[in-house]
Amino acid sequence: MTKTHVPSLDTIDRRWYVVDASGQRLGRLATEVAMVLRGKNKPTYTPHLDTGDFVVVVNADKIDVTGKKRSQKVYRRHSGRPGGMKEETFEKLQGRLPERIVEQAVRGMLPKNSLGRKLFTKLKVYAGSDHPHGAQQPETLTIQTIPGGN
């Protein structure tokens, strides 16, 4: 009878990856990043453990969406007070806080529990092309784009 191998925390190999978001589609980038954060690209994946890697997303201000989402996609947040709903289009949020767009897209693809909150801390998003994580020697993670995709 074979036994299921559960990796211990000291045997998990954590790596750092850099993803260039310029010209990438938001949803396709977010699914790949969420998969790496979760550790689903590794043979040691365990659903209840954090076996994933760190991901640094650069050029978040150059992320792309299809169709009319640039002017029609709405991001909402609420202060918790009566009448505290704030709405902002993709275009305005990209001009103000482009990192938040990628963060929210990835956060929505992670588990909605304490594990998901822990995984989200391993995502680092930057609007420009430089980041302060050079000491971790991150590898480049390429995300395939669909040729001729709109």
Protein backbone atom coordinates (compact mmCIF):
# COMPACT_ATOMS: atom_id res chain seq x y z
CA MET A 1 0.00 0.00 0.00
CA THR A 2 1.40 3.40 -0.98
CA LYS A 3 1.28 6.31 1.39
CA THR A 4 0.55 9.91 0.52
CA HIS A 5 3.57 12.15 0.86
CA VAL A 6 2.87 15.39 2.73
CA PRO A 7 5.79 17.82 2.43
CA SER A 8 7.05 19.33 5.66
CA LEU A 9 7.56 23.07 5.88
CA ASP A 10 11.36 22.81 5.87
CA THR A 11 11.42 20.73 2.67
CA ILE A 12 9.33 23.17 0.60
CA ASP A 13 11.49 24.88 -2.02
CA ARG A 14 10.43 28.52 -2.36
CA ARG A 15 11.47 30.38 -5.48
CA TRP A 16 11.03 33.95 -6.67
CA TYR A 17 9.65 34.77 -10.11
CA VAL A 18 9.35 38.04 -12.02
CA VAL A 19 6.47 38.55 -14.45
CA ASP A 20 6.42 41.42 -16.93
CA ALA A 21 2.79 42.54 -17.26
CA SER A 22 3.28 44.90 -20.19
CA GLY A 23 0.94 43.95 -23.03
CA GLN A 24 -0.48 40.98 -21.09
CA ARG A 25 -4.20 40.32 -20.67
CA LEU A 26 -5.32 40.85 -17.08
CA GLY A 27 -7.20 37.57 -16.57
CA ARG A 28 -4.64 35.33 -18.23
CA LEU A 29 -1.83 36.90 -16.22
CA ALA A 30 -3.80 36.59 -12.97
CA THR A 31 -4.60 32.89 -13.45
CA GLU A 32 -0.94 32.01 -14.05
CA VAL A 33 0.24 34.11 -11.11
CA ALA A 34 -2.40 32.60 -8.79
CA MET A 35 -1.36 29.10 -9.85
CA VAL A 36 2.31 29.78 -9.02
CA LEU A 37 1.41 31.43 -5.69
CA ARG A 38 -0.69 28.40 -4.79
CA GLY A 39 2.03 25.93 -5.85
CA LYS A 40 -0.12 24.06 -8.38
CA ASN A 41 2.76 24.03 -10.87
CA LYS A 42 4.81 21.78 -8.56
CA PRO A 43 4.59 18.02 -7.98
CA THR A 44 4.59 18.68 -4.22
CA TYR A 45 1.27 20.61 -4.34
CA THR A 46 -0.85 20.03 -1.27
CA PRO A 47 -4.25 21.77 -1.07
CA HIS A 48 -4.10 22.69 2.62
CA LEU A 49 -0.45 23.83 2.67
CA ASP A 50 1.39 26.84 1.32
CA THR A 51 3.71 25.15 -1.18
CA GLY A 52 3.81 28.06 -3.64
CA ASP A 53 6.45 30.56 -4.71
CA PHE A 54 6.85 34.32 -4.53
CA VAL A 55 5.78 36.34 -7.59
CA VAL A 56 6.89 39.88 -8.45
CA VAL A 57 4.76 41.56 -11.13
CA VAL A 58 6.36 44.57 -12.84
CA ASN A 59 4.90 47.07 -15.33
CA ALA A 60 1.41 46.74 -13.84
CA ASP A 61 0.55 50.09 -15.39
CA LYS A 62 0.86 48.52 -18.87
CA ILE A 63 -1.65 45.68 -18.29
CA ASP A 64 -4.26 45.25 -21.01
CA VAL A 65 -7.93 44.28 -21.16
CA THR A 66 -10.12 43.36 -24.12
CA GLY A 67 -13.27 44.90 -25.49
CA LYS A 68 -14.82 47.89 -23.76
CA LYS A 69 -13.61 46.90 -20.28
CA ARG A 70 -11.24 49.87 -20.16
CA SER A 71 -14.23 52.23 -19.83
CA GLN A 72 -16.96 49.85 -18.58
CA LYS A 73 -15.27 47.65 -15.94
CA VAL A 74 -16.03 49.11 -12.51
CA TYR A 75 -14.08 48.58 -9.29
CA ARG A 76 -16.08 49.10 -6.09
CA ARG A 77 -15.04 49.54 -2.50
CA HIS A 78 -17.03 50.43 0.59
CA SER A 79 -15.92 52.36 3.66
CA GLY A 80 -18.45 50.57 5.87
CA ARG A 81 -20.35 53.80 6.50
CA PRO A 82 -23.82 54.55 5.12
CA GLY A 83 -23.43 55.83 1.58
CA GLY A 84 -19.75 54.89 1.60
CA MET A 85 -19.70 53.10 -1.75
CA LYS A 86 -16.96 54.34 -4.08
CA GLU A 87 -16.91 53.32 -7.74
CA GLU A 88 -14.06 53.73 -10.20
CA THR A 89 -13.59 52.59 -13.79
CA PHE A 90 -10.63 50.50 -14.92
CA GLU A 91 -9.19 53.50 -16.77
CA LYS A 92 -9.25 55.81 -13.74
CA LEU A 93 -7.92 53.16 -11.35
CA GLN A 94 -5.10 52.35 -13.76
CA GLY A 95 -4.11 56.00 -13.76
CA ARG A 96 -4.30 56.29 -9.97
CA LEU A 97 -3.21 52.89 -8.53
CA PRO A 98 -2.31 50.41 -11.30
CA GLU A 99 -1.00 47.86 -8.78
CA ARG A 100 -4.46 47.41 -7.27
CA ILE A 101 -5.91 46.08 -10.54
CA VAL A 102 -3.51 43.12 -10.64
CA GLU A 103 -3.76 42.55 -6.88
CA GLN A 104 -7.55 42.33 -6.95
CA ALA A 105 -7.58 40.04 -9.98
CA VAL A 106 -5.15 37.61 -8.32
CA ARG A 107 -6.80 37.84 -4.90
CA GLY A 108 -10.11 36.79 -6.44
CA MET A 109 -8.49 33.59 -7.71
CA LEU A 110 -7.03 32.54 -4.35
CA PRO A 111 -8.91 30.64 -1.63
CA LYS A 112 -11.20 32.74 0.56
CA ASN A 113 -9.72 31.67 3.90
CA SER A 114 -6.62 32.12 6.06
CA LEU A 115 -4.51 30.19 3.56
CA GLY A 116 -5.56 32.55 0.77
CA ARG A 117 -4.63 35.58 2.88
CA LYS A 118 -1.23 34.06 3.59
CA LEU A 119 -0.66 33.27 -0.10
CA PHE A 120 -1.57 36.83 -1.08
CA THR A 121 1.32 38.22 0.99
CA LYS A 122 3.72 36.48 -1.43
CA LEU A 123 2.52 38.64 -4.34
CA LYS A 124 4.48 41.85 -4.97
CA VAL A 125 3.14 44.23 -7.64
CA TYR A 126 4.93 47.31 -8.99
CA ALA A 127 3.74 49.87 -11.52
CA GLY A 128 7.18 50.47 -13.05
CA SER A 129 9.84 48.16 -14.38
CA ASP A 130 12.11 48.18 -11.31
CA HIS A 131 11.59 46.33 -8.02
CA PRO A 132 13.54 45.99 -4.74
CA HIS A 133 13.73 42.17 -4.82
CA GLY A 134 16.98 41.75 -6.76
CA ALA A 135 18.70 40.12 -3.78
CA GLN A 136 16.32 37.15 -4.06
CA GLN A 137 17.62 36.50 -7.61
CA PRO A 138 14.16 36.04 -9.15
CA GLU A 139 13.73 33.96 -12.29
CA THR A 140 11.73 35.26 -15.23
CA LEU A 141 8.32 33.63 -15.60
CA THR A 142 6.97 33.86 -19.13
CA ILE A 143 3.25 33.76 -19.71
CA GLN A 144 2.17 32.70 -23.17
CA THR A 145 0.07 35.16 -25.09
CA ILE A 146 -2.56 33.98 -27.54
CA PRO A 147 -1.53 35.02 -31.04
CA GLY A 148 -4.11 37.29 -32.63
CA GLY A 149 -6.14 37.34 -29.43
CA ASN A 150 -8.26 40.42 -28.86
